[in-house]
Amino acid sequence: MSDWNSELYLKFKAQRTQPAIDLAARLEGEPSEIIDLGCGPGNSTRVLKNRFPNAHIIGADSSENMLKKARSENPNLDFMLLDLNDDLSEYNGKFNVVFSNACFQWLPNHRELLPKVFELLKSGGVLAAQIPMNYDEPIHKIIRRISESPKWNEKFPEKRIFGTLTIPEYHDIISSMTNDFELWQTTYCHRMPSIESIIEWYRSTGLRTYLAALSEEDGAEFIAEISAQLEKEYPKQANGEIIFRFPRFFFIAKRE
């Protein structure tokens, strides 16, 4: 899989950062040790530092490209290379807050992943996470439909597998770890100037693995087919803008 492109990801920095701001605002107390899992280019880690200026905060990510950008943008914060698929036991019990903004959806086996990262918490610490719940939105349906069509299917031998579960499934996982938790969902209605802007948003995330498997010529054709169908699903408003719906699921779970 190709590495992440931090510059492309940050084209929509404000929209991508708002869920982290909203989640951090729900955290209470004065935590001393925080880890930001899947910190990307450091925008969520900066949110945490602004919210808790006296805390020691570590941003962790598996992408060297993202970490390079995070360090250059935030030279006064600490960042580390960390793959959540690896053994994390050396960090067990070290943090008051384990934070994750739009990371877990890229990882498999959430029934095993969430208890594993929950172990990173000190007693009384909280796991706070945001997971996109947009796989039933038109953009994802269109990408799936086109990528699985006879024309394109054989070009993608490695299919994208969504690790995301349903909210009731997350409820059952979290309730097996603690009785002290809350769940909520927010649908953000982003104002986008064009269909092209939606494509640009997804080039750094949902379309990344598809485009990495295609030649430049095929990639352009693949994008053109997606764009044509997006035009039908995302109509323009009176002022020419497009409403881009983006549901996101949040939870905060406290280690008792």
C-alpha atoms as a PDB file:
ATOM      1  CA  MET A   1       0.000   0.000   0.000  1.00  0.00           C
ATOM      2  CA  SER A   2       1.277   3.471  -0.879  1.00  0.00           C
ATOM      3  CA  ASP A   3       2.207   5.872   1.904  1.00  0.00           C
ATOM      4  CA  TRP A   4      -0.068   8.732   2.866  1.00  0.00           C
ATOM      5  CA  ASN A   5       0.262  12.160   1.254  1.00  0.00           C
ATOM      6  CA  SER A   6       0.172  14.728   4.048  1.00  0.00           C
ATOM      7  CA  GLU A   7      -0.046  17.750   1.724  1.00  0.00           C
ATOM      8  CA  LEU A   8      -3.076  16.343  -0.081  1.00  0.00           C
ATOM      9  CA  TYR A   9      -4.684  15.322   3.211  1.00  0.00           C
ATOM     10  CA  LEU A  10      -4.350  18.848   4.600  1.00  0.00           C
ATOM     11  CA  LYS A  11      -6.164  20.491   1.684  1.00  0.00           C
ATOM     12  CA  PHE A  12      -9.275  20.105   3.830  1.00  0.00           C
ATOM     13  CA  LYS A  13      -7.580  20.648   7.165  1.00  0.00           C
ATOM     14  CA  ALA A  14     -10.416  22.615   8.767  1.00  0.00           C
ATOM     15  CA  GLN A  15     -13.065  20.008   7.915  1.00  0.00           C
ATOM     16  CA  ARG A  16     -10.866  17.085   8.966  1.00  0.00           C
ATOM     17  CA  THR A  17      -9.873  18.767  12.227  1.00  0.00           C
ATOM     18  CA  GLN A  18     -13.340  19.816  13.424  1.00  0.00           C
ATOM     19  CA  PRO A  19     -14.306  16.325  14.688  1.00  0.00           C
ATOM     20  CA  ALA A  20     -11.086  16.231  16.751  1.00  0.00           C
ATOM     21  CA  ILE A  21     -11.978  19.615  18.239  1.00  0.00           C
ATOM     22  CA  ASP A  22     -15.494  18.410  19.054  1.00  0.00           C
ATOM     23  CA  LEU A  23     -14.227  15.201  20.648  1.00  0.00           C
ATOM     24  CA  ALA A  24     -11.485  16.912  22.672  1.00  0.00           C
ATOM     25  CA  ALA A  25     -14.043  19.409  23.986  1.00  0.00           C
ATOM     26  CA  ARG A  26     -15.920  16.533  25.653  1.00  0.00           C
ATOM     27  CA  LEU A  27     -12.875  15.431  27.654  1.00  0.00           C
ATOM     28  CA  GLU A  28     -12.765  16.469  31.296  1.00  0.00           C
ATOM     29  CA  GLY A  29     -10.151  16.855  34.011  1.00  0.00           C
ATOM     30  CA  GLU A  30      -6.450  17.596  33.627  1.00  0.00           C
ATOM     31  CA  PRO A  31      -4.788  14.553  32.071  1.00  0.00           C
ATOM     32  CA  SER A  32      -1.002  14.449  32.325  1.00  0.00           C
ATOM     33  CA  GLU A  33      -0.241  11.813  29.670  1.00  0.00           C
ATOM     34  CA  ILE A  34      -2.057  11.642  26.319  1.00  0.00           C
ATOM     35  CA  ILE A  35      -1.398   9.609  23.182  1.00  0.00           C
ATOM     36  CA  ASP A  36      -2.989  10.524  19.835  1.00  0.00           C
ATOM     37  CA  LEU A  37      -3.271   7.308  17.799  1.00  0.00           C
ATOM     38  CA  GLY A  38      -3.214   7.789  14.031  1.00  0.00           C
ATOM     39  CA  CYS A  39      -2.190  11.412  14.475  1.00  0.00           C
ATOM     40  CA  GLY A  40      -1.550  11.932  10.746  1.00  0.00           C
ATOM     41  CA  PRO A  41       0.043  15.320  10.032  1.00  0.00           C
ATOM     42  CA  GLY A  42      -0.412  16.399  13.658  1.00  0.00           C
ATOM     43  CA  ASN A  43      -3.554  18.517  13.390  1.00  0.00           C
ATOM     44  CA  SER A  44      -5.392  16.444  16.006  1.00  0.00           C
ATOM     45  CA  THR A  45      -2.314  16.401  18.269  1.00  0.00           C
ATOM     46  CA  ARG A  46      -2.245  20.200  18.140  1.00  0.00           C
ATOM     47  CA  VAL A  47      -5.936  20.254  19.090  1.00  0.00           C
ATOM     48  CA  LEU A  48      -5.126  18.185  22.169  1.00  0.00           C
ATOM     49  CA  LYS A  49      -2.226  20.455  23.128  1.00  0.00           C
ATOM     50  CA  ASN A  50      -4.466  23.510  22.827  1.00  0.00           C
ATOM     51  CA  ARG A  51      -7.085  21.783  25.002  1.00  0.00           C
ATOM     52  CA  PHE A  52      -4.585  20.506  27.589  1.00  0.00           C
ATOM     53  CA  PRO A  53      -1.508  22.775  27.458  1.00  0.00           C
ATOM     54  CA  ASN A  54       0.086  21.232  30.557  1.00  0.00           C
ATOM     55  CA  ALA A  55      -0.172  17.623  29.408  1.00  0.00           C
ATOM     56  CA  HIS A  56       2.596  15.569  27.843  1.00  0.00           C
ATOM     57  CA  ILE A  57       1.153  14.552  24.490  1.00  0.00           C
ATOM     58  CA  ILE A  58       2.552  12.042  21.989  1.00  0.00           C
ATOM     59  CA  GLY A  59       1.295  11.799  18.419  1.00  0.00           C
ATOM     60  CA  ALA A  60       1.654   8.286  16.979  1.00  0.00           C
ATOM     61  CA  ASP A  61       1.273   7.148  13.384  1.00  0.00           C
ATOM     62  CA  SER A  62       2.442   4.361  11.070  1.00  0.00           C
ATOM     63  CA  SER A  63       3.191   6.735   8.167  1.00  0.00           C
ATOM     64  CA  GLU A  64       6.636   8.325   7.929  1.00  0.00           C
ATOM     65  CA  ASN A  65       5.262  10.909   5.489  1.00  0.00           C
ATOM     66  CA  MET A  66       2.599  11.999   7.960  1.00  0.00           C
ATOM     67  CA  LEU A  67       5.056  12.094  10.857  1.00  0.00           C
ATOM     68  CA  LYS A  68       7.529  14.189   8.885  1.00  0.00           C
ATOM     69  CA  LYS A  69       4.806  16.764   8.270  1.00  0.00           C
ATOM     70  CA  ALA A  70       3.612  16.580  11.889  1.00  0.00           C
ATOM     71  CA  ARG A  71       7.108  17.273  13.231  1.00  0.00           C
ATOM     72  CA  SER A  72       7.715  20.167  10.845  1.00  0.00           C
ATOM     73  CA  GLU A  73       4.378  21.793  11.702  1.00  0.00           C
ATOM     74  CA  ASN A  74       4.634  21.125  15.446  1.00  0.00           C
ATOM     75  CA  PRO A  75       8.312  21.184  16.482  1.00  0.00           C
ATOM     76  CA  ASN A  76       7.404  21.513  20.164  1.00  0.00           C
ATOM     77  CA  LEU A  77       5.331  18.293  20.235  1.00  0.00           C
ATOM     78  CA  ASP A  78       6.473  14.679  20.432  1.00  0.00           C
ATOM     79  CA  PHE A  79       5.727  12.162  17.675  1.00  0.00           C
ATOM     80  CA  MET A  80       6.541   8.494  17.263  1.00  0.00           C
ATOM     81  CA  LEU A  81       6.244   5.763  14.660  1.00  0.00           C
ATOM     82  CA  LEU A  82       3.706   3.201  15.832  1.00  0.00           C
ATOM     83  CA  ASP A  83       1.691   0.517  14.041  1.00  0.00           C
ATOM     84  CA  LEU A  84      -1.447  -0.423  15.952  1.00  0.00           C
ATOM     85  CA  ASN A  85      -1.332  -3.891  14.433  1.00  0.00           C
ATOM     86  CA  ASP A  86       1.842  -4.563  16.445  1.00  0.00           C
ATOM     87  CA  ASP A  87       2.200  -5.606  20.075  1.00  0.00           C
ATOM     88  CA  LEU A  88       1.475  -2.514  22.203  1.00  0.00           C
ATOM     89  CA  SER A  89       1.896  -4.095  25.628  1.00  0.00           C
ATOM     90  CA  GLU A  90       4.979  -2.018  26.500  1.00  0.00           C
ATOM     91  CA  TYR A  91       2.687   1.026  26.628  1.00  0.00           C
ATOM     92  CA  ASN A  92      -0.026  -0.559  28.790  1.00  0.00           C
ATOM     93  CA  GLY A  93      -1.206   1.603  31.677  1.00  0.00           C
ATOM     94  CA  LYS A  94       0.766   4.677  30.623  1.00  0.00           C
ATOM     95  CA  PHE A  95      -1.892   7.185  29.517  1.00  0.00           C
ATOM     96  CA  ASN A  96      -4.767   9.175  31.003  1.00  0.00           C
ATOM     97  CA  VAL A  97      -6.232   9.701  27.538  1.00  0.00           C
ATOM     98  CA  VAL A  98      -5.962   7.507  24.461  1.00  0.00           C
ATOM     99  CA  PHE A  99      -7.319   9.631  21.601  1.00  0.00           C
ATOM    100  CA  SER A 100      -8.027   8.642  18.010  1.00  0.00           C
ATOM    101  CA  ASN A 101      -9.544  10.801  15.297  1.00  0.00           C
ATOM    102  CA  ALA A 102     -10.433   8.952  12.048  1.00  0.00           C
ATOM    103  CA  CYS A 103      -7.845   6.200  12.365  1.00  0.00           C
ATOM    104  CA  PHE A 104      -9.531   2.965  13.411  1.00  0.00           C
ATOM    105  CA  GLN A 105     -11.510   2.595  10.170  1.00  0.00           C
ATOM    106  CA  TRP A 106      -8.251   1.728   8.379  1.00  0.00           C
ATOM    107  CA  LEU A 107      -7.565  -1.179  10.728  1.00  0.00           C
ATOM    108  CA  PRO A 108      -9.139  -4.654  10.943  1.00  0.00           C
ATOM    109  CA  ASN A 109     -10.549  -6.670  13.837  1.00  0.00           C
ATOM    110  CA  HIS A 110     -12.045  -3.926  15.993  1.00  0.00           C
ATOM    111  CA  ARG A 111     -13.260  -6.537  18.473  1.00  0.00           C
ATOM    112  CA  GLU A 112      -9.593  -7.171  19.255  1.00  0.00           C
ATOM    113  CA  LEU A 113      -8.249  -3.677  18.525  1.00  0.00           C
ATOM    114  CA  LEU A 114     -10.404  -1.703  20.962  1.00  0.00           C
ATOM    115  CA  PRO A 115      -9.644  -3.854  24.033  1.00  0.00           C
ATOM    116  CA  LYS A 116      -5.959  -3.731  23.066  1.00  0.00           C
ATOM    117  CA  VAL A 117      -5.798   0.069  22.959  1.00  0.00           C
ATOM    118  CA  PHE A 118      -8.004   0.248  26.079  1.00  0.00           C
ATOM    119  CA  GLU A 119      -5.156  -1.478  27.936  1.00  0.00           C
ATOM    120  CA  LEU A 120      -2.961   1.571  27.279  1.00  0.00           C
ATOM    121  CA  LEU A 121      -5.012   3.490  29.839  1.00  0.00           C
ATOM    122  CA  LYS A 122      -4.232   4.133  33.460  1.00  0.00           C
ATOM    123  CA  SER A 123      -7.024   3.447  35.931  1.00  0.00           C
ATOM    124  CA  GLY A 124      -9.590   6.220  35.480  1.00  0.00           C
ATOM    125  CA  GLY A 125      -8.281   7.079  32.009  1.00  0.00           C
ATOM    126  CA  VAL A 126     -10.472   7.439  28.922  1.00  0.00           C
ATOM    127  CA  LEU A 127     -10.425   6.126  25.376  1.00  0.00           C
ATOM    128  CA  ALA A 128     -11.875   8.811  23.091  1.00  0.00           C
ATOM    129  CA  ALA A 129     -12.374   7.993  19.421  1.00  0.00           C
ATOM    130  CA  GLN A 130     -14.041   9.209  16.269  1.00  0.00           C
ATOM    131  CA  ILE A 131     -14.731   6.769  13.421  1.00  0.00           C
ATOM    132  CA  PRO A 132     -16.235   7.808  10.058  1.00  0.00           C
ATOM    133  CA  MET A 133     -19.593   6.140   9.418  1.00  0.00           C
ATOM    134  CA  ASN A 134     -19.957   7.230   5.810  1.00  0.00           C
ATOM    135  CA  TYR A 135     -19.711   3.927   3.926  1.00  0.00           C
ATOM    136  CA  ASP A 136     -23.413   4.171   3.019  1.00  0.00           C
ATOM    137  CA  GLU A 137     -23.059   7.699   1.668  1.00  0.00           C
ATOM    138  CA  PRO A 138     -23.212   8.144  -2.153  1.00  0.00           C
ATOM    139  CA  ILE A 139     -19.451   8.703  -2.551  1.00  0.00           C
ATOM    140  CA  HIS A 140     -18.612   5.281  -1.118  1.00  0.00           C
ATOM    141  CA  LYS A 141     -21.429   3.468  -2.908  1.00  0.00           C
ATOM    142  CA  ILE A 142     -20.242   4.917  -6.218  1.00  0.00           C
ATOM    143  CA  ILE A 143     -16.587   4.010  -5.621  1.00  0.00           C
ATOM    144  CA  ARG A 144     -17.567   0.450  -4.666  1.00  0.00           C
ATOM    145  CA  ARG A 145     -19.925   0.030  -7.609  1.00  0.00           C
ATOM    146  CA  ILE A 146     -17.430   1.260 -10.199  1.00  0.00           C
ATOM    147  CA  SER A 147     -14.409  -0.532  -8.733  1.00  0.00           C
ATOM    148  CA  GLU A 148     -16.336  -3.835  -8.693  1.00  0.00           C
ATOM    149  CA  SER A 149     -17.627  -3.464 -12.255  1.00  0.00           C
ATOM    150  CA  PRO A 150     -16.278  -5.870 -14.931  1.00  0.00           C
ATOM    151  CA  LYS A 151     -14.209  -3.066 -16.449  1.00  0.00           C
ATOM    152  CA  TRP A 152     -12.262  -2.293 -13.270  1.00  0.00           C
ATOM    153  CA  ASN A 153     -12.571  -5.248 -10.921  1.00  0.00           C
ATOM    154  CA  GLU A 154      -9.502  -7.161 -12.146  1.00  0.00           C
ATOM    155  CA  LYS A 155      -7.334  -4.055 -11.781  1.00  0.00           C
ATOM    156  CA  PHE A 156      -7.846  -4.123  -8.008  1.00  0.00           C
ATOM    157  CA  PRO A 157      -6.617  -7.528  -6.774  1.00  0.00           C
ATOM    158  CA  GLU A 158      -6.430  -6.169  -3.223  1.00  0.00           C
ATOM    159  CA  LYS A 159      -9.894  -5.005  -2.265  1.00  0.00           C
ATOM    160  CA  ARG A 160     -10.371  -2.376   0.405  1.00  0.00           C
ATOM    161  CA  ILE A 161     -11.863  -4.025   3.474  1.00  0.00           C
ATOM    162  CA  PHE A 162     -13.769  -1.793   5.863  1.00  0.00           C
ATOM    163  CA  GLY A 163     -13.043  -2.601   9.479  1.00  0.00           C
ATOM    164  CA  THR A 164     -15.863  -0.327  10.614  1.00  0.00           C
ATOM    165  CA  LEU A 165     -18.680  -1.989  12.553  1.00  0.00           C
ATOM    166  CA  THR A 166     -22.197  -0.817  13.385  1.00  0.00           C
ATOM    167  CA  ILE A 167     -22.984   1.341  16.405  1.00  0.00           C
ATOM    168  CA  PRO A 168     -24.774  -1.553  18.199  1.00  0.00           C
ATOM    169  CA  GLU A 169     -21.663  -3.704  17.644  1.00  0.00           C
ATOM    170  CA  TYR A 170     -19.432  -0.993  19.097  1.00  0.00           C
ATOM    171  CA  HIS A 171     -21.811  -0.696  22.036  1.00  0.00           C
ATOM    172  CA  ASP A 172     -21.367  -4.396  22.814  1.00  0.00           C
ATOM    173  CA  ILE A 173     -17.574  -4.266  22.511  1.00  0.00           C
ATOM    174  CA  ILE A 174     -17.243  -1.179  24.707  1.00  0.00           C
ATOM    175  CA  SER A 175     -19.738  -2.403  27.294  1.00  0.00           C
ATOM    176  CA  SER A 176     -17.617  -5.559  27.684  1.00  0.00           C
ATOM    177  CA  MET A 177     -14.682  -3.324  28.664  1.00  0.00           C
ATOM    178  CA  THR A 178     -16.413  -0.805  30.936  1.00  0.00           C
ATOM    179  CA  ASN A 179     -19.786   0.349  32.238  1.00  0.00           C
ATOM    180  CA  ASP A 180     -18.782   4.022  32.017  1.00  0.00           C
ATOM    181  CA  PHE A 181     -19.082   5.154  28.401  1.00  0.00           C
ATOM    182  CA  GLU A 182     -21.048   7.350  26.013  1.00  0.00           C
ATOM    183  CA  LEU A 183     -21.750   7.090  22.285  1.00  0.00           C
ATOM    184  CA  TRP A 184     -22.972   9.644  19.774  1.00  0.00           C
ATOM    185  CA  GLN A 185     -23.049  10.365  16.055  1.00  0.00           C
ATOM    186  CA  THR A 186     -22.740  13.667  14.227  1.00  0.00           C
ATOM    187  CA  THR A 187     -23.358  14.285  10.542  1.00  0.00           C
ATOM    188  CA  TYR A 188     -21.213  17.152   9.271  1.00  0.00           C
ATOM    189  CA  CYS A 189     -22.605  19.007   6.268  1.00  0.00           C
ATOM    190  CA  HIS A 190     -19.526  20.341   4.514  1.00  0.00           C
ATOM    191  CA  ARG A 191     -19.927  23.160   2.014  1.00  0.00           C
ATOM    192  CA  MET A 192     -17.985  22.107  -1.068  1.00  0.00           C
ATOM    193  CA  PRO A 193     -17.432  24.318  -4.101  1.00  0.00           C
ATOM    194  CA  SER A 194     -17.580  21.523  -6.707  1.00  0.00           C
ATOM    195  CA  ILE A 195     -17.597  17.801  -7.472  1.00  0.00           C
ATOM    196  CA  GLU A 196     -13.872  18.143  -8.128  1.00  0.00           C
ATOM    197  CA  SER A 197     -13.359  19.203  -4.520  1.00  0.00           C
ATOM    198  CA  ILE A 198     -15.032  15.999  -3.291  1.00  0.00           C
ATOM    199  CA  ILE A 199     -12.684  14.009  -5.529  1.00  0.00           C
ATOM    200  CA  GLU A 200      -9.717  15.934  -4.110  1.00  0.00           C
ATOM    201  CA  TRP A 201     -10.897  15.123  -0.577  1.00  0.00           C
ATOM    202  CA  TYR A 202     -10.975  11.408  -1.403  1.00  0.00           C
ATOM    203  CA  ARG A 203      -7.712  11.283  -3.328  1.00  0.00           C
ATOM    204  CA  SER A 204      -5.876  11.340   0.008  1.00  0.00           C
ATOM    205  CA  THR A 205      -8.166   8.825   1.741  1.00  0.00           C
ATOM    206  CA  GLY A 206     -10.795   6.563   0.176  1.00  0.00           C
ATOM    207  CA  LEU A 207      -9.413   6.709  -3.381  1.00  0.00           C
ATOM    208  CA  ARG A 208      -5.765   6.431  -2.372  1.00  0.00           C
ATOM    209  CA  THR A 209      -5.393   2.657  -2.636  1.00  0.00           C
ATOM    210  CA  TYR A 210      -7.354   2.485  -5.895  1.00  0.00           C
ATOM    211  CA  LEU A 211      -5.277   5.145  -7.642  1.00  0.00           C
ATOM    212  CA  ALA A 212      -2.038   3.559  -6.419  1.00  0.00           C
ATOM    213  CA  ALA A 213      -2.984   0.390  -8.339  1.00  0.00           C
ATOM    214  CA  LEU A 214      -3.680   2.219 -11.629  1.00  0.00           C
ATOM    215  CA  SER A 215      -1.590   3.853 -14.322  1.00  0.00           C
ATOM    216  CA  GLU A 216      -1.938   7.604 -14.680  1.00  0.00           C
ATOM    217  CA  GLU A 217      -4.168   7.131 -17.751  1.00  0.00           C
ATOM    218  CA  ASP A 218      -6.400   4.545 -16.100  1.00  0.00           C
ATOM    219  CA  GLY A 219      -6.555   6.636 -12.942  1.00  0.00           C
ATOM    220  CA  ALA A 220      -7.868   9.616 -14.886  1.00  0.00           C
ATOM    221  CA  GLU A 221     -10.520   7.455 -16.548  1.00  0.00           C
ATOM    222  CA  PHE A 222     -11.510   5.891 -13.220  1.00  0.00           C
ATOM    223  CA  ILE A 223     -11.907   9.333 -11.658  1.00  0.00           C
ATOM    224  CA  ALA A 224     -13.928  10.554 -14.646  1.00  0.00           C
ATOM    225  CA  GLU A 225     -16.433   7.728 -14.218  1.00  0.00           C
ATOM    226  CA  ILE A 226     -16.781   8.433 -10.518  1.00  0.00           C
ATOM    227  CA  SER A 227     -17.194  12.174 -11.116  1.00  0.00           C
ATOM    228  CA  ALA A 228     -19.973  11.603 -13.641  1.00  0.00           C
ATOM    229  CA  GLN A 229     -21.997   9.626 -11.104  1.00  0.00           C
ATOM    230  CA  LEU A 230     -21.251  12.058  -8.286  1.00  0.00           C
ATOM    231  CA  GLU A 231     -22.888  14.809 -10.351  1.00  0.00           C
ATOM    232  CA  LYS A 232     -26.191  12.925 -10.062  1.00  0.00           C
ATOM    233  CA  GLU A 233     -25.941  12.276  -6.326  1.00  0.00           C
ATOM    234  CA  TYR A 234     -24.632  15.645  -5.131  1.00  0.00           C
ATOM    235  CA  PRO A 235     -26.741  18.403  -6.711  1.00  0.00           C
ATOM    236  CA  LYS A 236     -25.721  22.035  -6.587  1.00  0.00           C
ATOM    237  CA  GLN A 237     -27.458  24.402  -4.212  1.00  0.00           C
ATOM    238  CA  ALA A 238     -28.833  27.776  -5.267  1.00  0.00           C
ATOM    239  CA  ASN A 239     -25.436  29.436  -4.733  1.00  0.00           C
ATOM    240  CA  GLY A 240     -23.569  26.728  -6.640  1.00  0.00           C
ATOM    241  CA  GLU A 241     -22.197  24.936  -3.579  1.00  0.00           C
ATOM    242  CA  ILE A 242     -22.600  21.229  -2.838  1.00  0.00           C
ATOM    243  CA  ILE A 243     -23.635  19.791   0.523  1.00  0.00           C
ATOM    244  CA  PHE A 244     -21.235  16.957   1.319  1.00  0.00           C
ATOM    245  CA  ARG A 245     -22.709  14.883   4.153  1.00  0.00           C
ATOM    246  CA  PHE A 246     -20.199  13.104   6.378  1.00  0.00           C
ATOM    247  CA  PRO A 247     -21.549  11.040   9.326  1.00  0.00           C
ATOM    248  CA  ARG A 248     -19.036  10.327  12.117  1.00  0.00           C
ATOM    249  CA  PHE A 249     -19.392   8.090  15.173  1.00  0.00           C
ATOM    250  CA  PHE A 250     -17.859   9.090  18.523  1.00  0.00           C
ATOM    251  CA  PHE A 251     -17.350   7.362  21.826  1.00  0.00           C
ATOM    252  CA  ILE A 252     -15.669   8.041  25.160  1.00  0.00           C
ATOM    253  CA  ALA A 253     -15.020   5.042  27.409  1.00  0.00           C
ATOM    254  CA  LYS A 254     -13.538   5.266  30.903  1.00  0.00           C
ATOM    255  CA  ARG A 255     -11.324   2.597  32.433  1.00  0.00           C
ATOM    256  CA  GLU A 256     -12.800   1.858  35.840  1.00  0.00           C
END
